[in-house]
C-alpha atoms as a PDB file:
ATOM      1  CA  UNK A   1     -86.779 137.455  49.432  1.00  0.00           C
ATOM      2  CA  UNK A   2     -87.684 135.321  46.416  1.00  0.00           C
ATOM      3  CA  UNK A   3     -84.042 134.304  45.950  1.00  0.00           C
ATOM      4  CA  UNK A   4     -83.748 132.983  49.508  1.00  0.00           C
ATOM      5  CA  UNK A   5     -86.922 130.947  49.107  1.00  0.00           C
ATOM      6  CA  UNK A   6     -85.657 129.458  45.852  1.00  0.00           C
ATOM      7  CA  UNK A   7     -82.320 128.602  47.455  1.00  0.00           C
ATOM      8  CA  UNK A   8     -84.004 126.826  50.367  1.00  0.00           C
ATOM      9  CA  UNK A   9     -86.248 124.848  48.024  1.00  0.00           C
ATOM     10  CA  UNK A  10     -83.296 123.803  45.897  1.00  0.00           C
ATOM     11  CA  UNK A  11     -81.195 122.853  48.940  1.00  0.00           C
ATOM     12  CA  UNK A  12     -84.009 120.661  50.219  1.00  0.00           C
ATOM     13  CA  UNK A  13     -84.266 119.102  46.751  1.00  0.00           C
ATOM     14  CA  UNK A  14     -80.604 118.089  46.995  1.00  0.00           C
ATOM     15  CA  UNK A  15     -78.850 120.674  44.798  1.00  0.00           C
ATOM     16  CA  UNK A  16     -75.359 121.679  45.888  1.00  0.00           C
ATOM     17  CA  UNK A  17     -74.353 125.224  46.786  1.00  0.00           C
ATOM     18  CA  UNK A  18     -72.142 125.321  43.716  1.00  0.00           C
ATOM     19  CA  UNK A  19     -75.014 124.392  41.396  1.00  0.00           C
ATOM     20  CA  UNK A  20     -77.268 127.034  42.926  1.00  0.00           C
ATOM     21  CA  UNK A  21     -74.541 129.685  42.736  1.00  0.00           C
ATOM     22  CA  UNK A  22     -74.031 128.928  39.039  1.00  0.00           C
ATOM     23  CA  UNK A  23     -77.695 129.697  38.419  1.00  0.00           C
ATOM     24  CA  UNK A  24     -77.081 133.228  39.741  1.00  0.00           C
ATOM     25  CA  UNK A  25     -79.517 133.240  42.671  1.00  0.00           C
ATOM     26  CA  UNK A  26     -76.942 133.885  45.421  1.00  0.00           C
ATOM     27  CA  UNK A  27     -73.234 133.439  46.018  1.00  0.00           C
ATOM     28  CA  UNK A  28     -71.874 130.305  47.641  1.00  0.00           C
ATOM     29  CA  UNK A  29     -71.149 132.096  50.930  1.00  0.00           C
ATOM     30  CA  UNK A  30     -74.749 133.294  51.324  1.00  0.00           C
ATOM     31  CA  UNK A  31     -76.079 129.879  50.300  1.00  0.00           C
ATOM     32  CA  UNK A  32     -74.055 128.025  52.918  1.00  0.00           C
ATOM     33  CA  UNK A  33     -74.991 130.659  55.511  1.00  0.00           C
ATOM     34  CA  UNK A  34     -78.681 130.092  54.719  1.00  0.00           C
ATOM     35  CA  UNK A  35     -78.224 126.329  54.871  1.00  0.00           C
ATOM     36  CA  UNK A  36     -76.641 126.573  58.310  1.00  0.00           C
ATOM     37  CA  UNK A  37     -79.443 128.764  59.595  1.00  0.00           C
ATOM     38  CA  UNK A  38     -82.190 126.336  58.603  1.00  0.00           C
ATOM     39  CA  UNK A  39     -80.409 123.330  60.116  1.00  0.00           C
ATOM     40  CA  UNK A  40     -79.810 124.955  63.524  1.00  0.00           C
ATOM     41  CA  UNK A  41     -82.726 125.068  65.983  1.00  0.00           C
ATOM     42  CA  UNK A  42     -83.953 128.619  66.751  1.00  0.00           C
ATOM     43  CA  UNK A  43     -82.711 128.556  70.358  1.00  0.00           C
ATOM     44  CA  UNK A  44     -79.146 127.834  69.249  1.00  0.00           C
ATOM     45  CA  UNK A  45     -79.339 130.475  66.501  1.00  0.00           C
ATOM     46  CA  UNK A  46     -79.919 133.254  69.016  1.00  0.00           C
ATOM     47  CA  UNK A  47     -77.029 132.033  71.190  1.00  0.00           C
ATOM     48  CA  UNK A  48     -74.654 131.910  68.200  1.00  0.00           C
ATOM     49  CA  UNK A  49     -75.663 135.400  67.077  1.00  0.00           C
ATOM     50  CA  UNK A  50     -74.873 136.908  70.476  1.00  0.00           C
ATOM     51  CA  UNK A  51     -71.269 135.653  70.494  1.00  0.00           C
END
């Protein structure tokens, strides 16, 4: 859980997915997935998940 929180903080601070991945927190795929989830409103998230 700590890793996801750190990734979100760093994304909001303007770090790129590549920079965060180099630090070893998460891979680039998981980072971009997390970034997409925080930018999509909750109602759209549930619709996307059901497809």
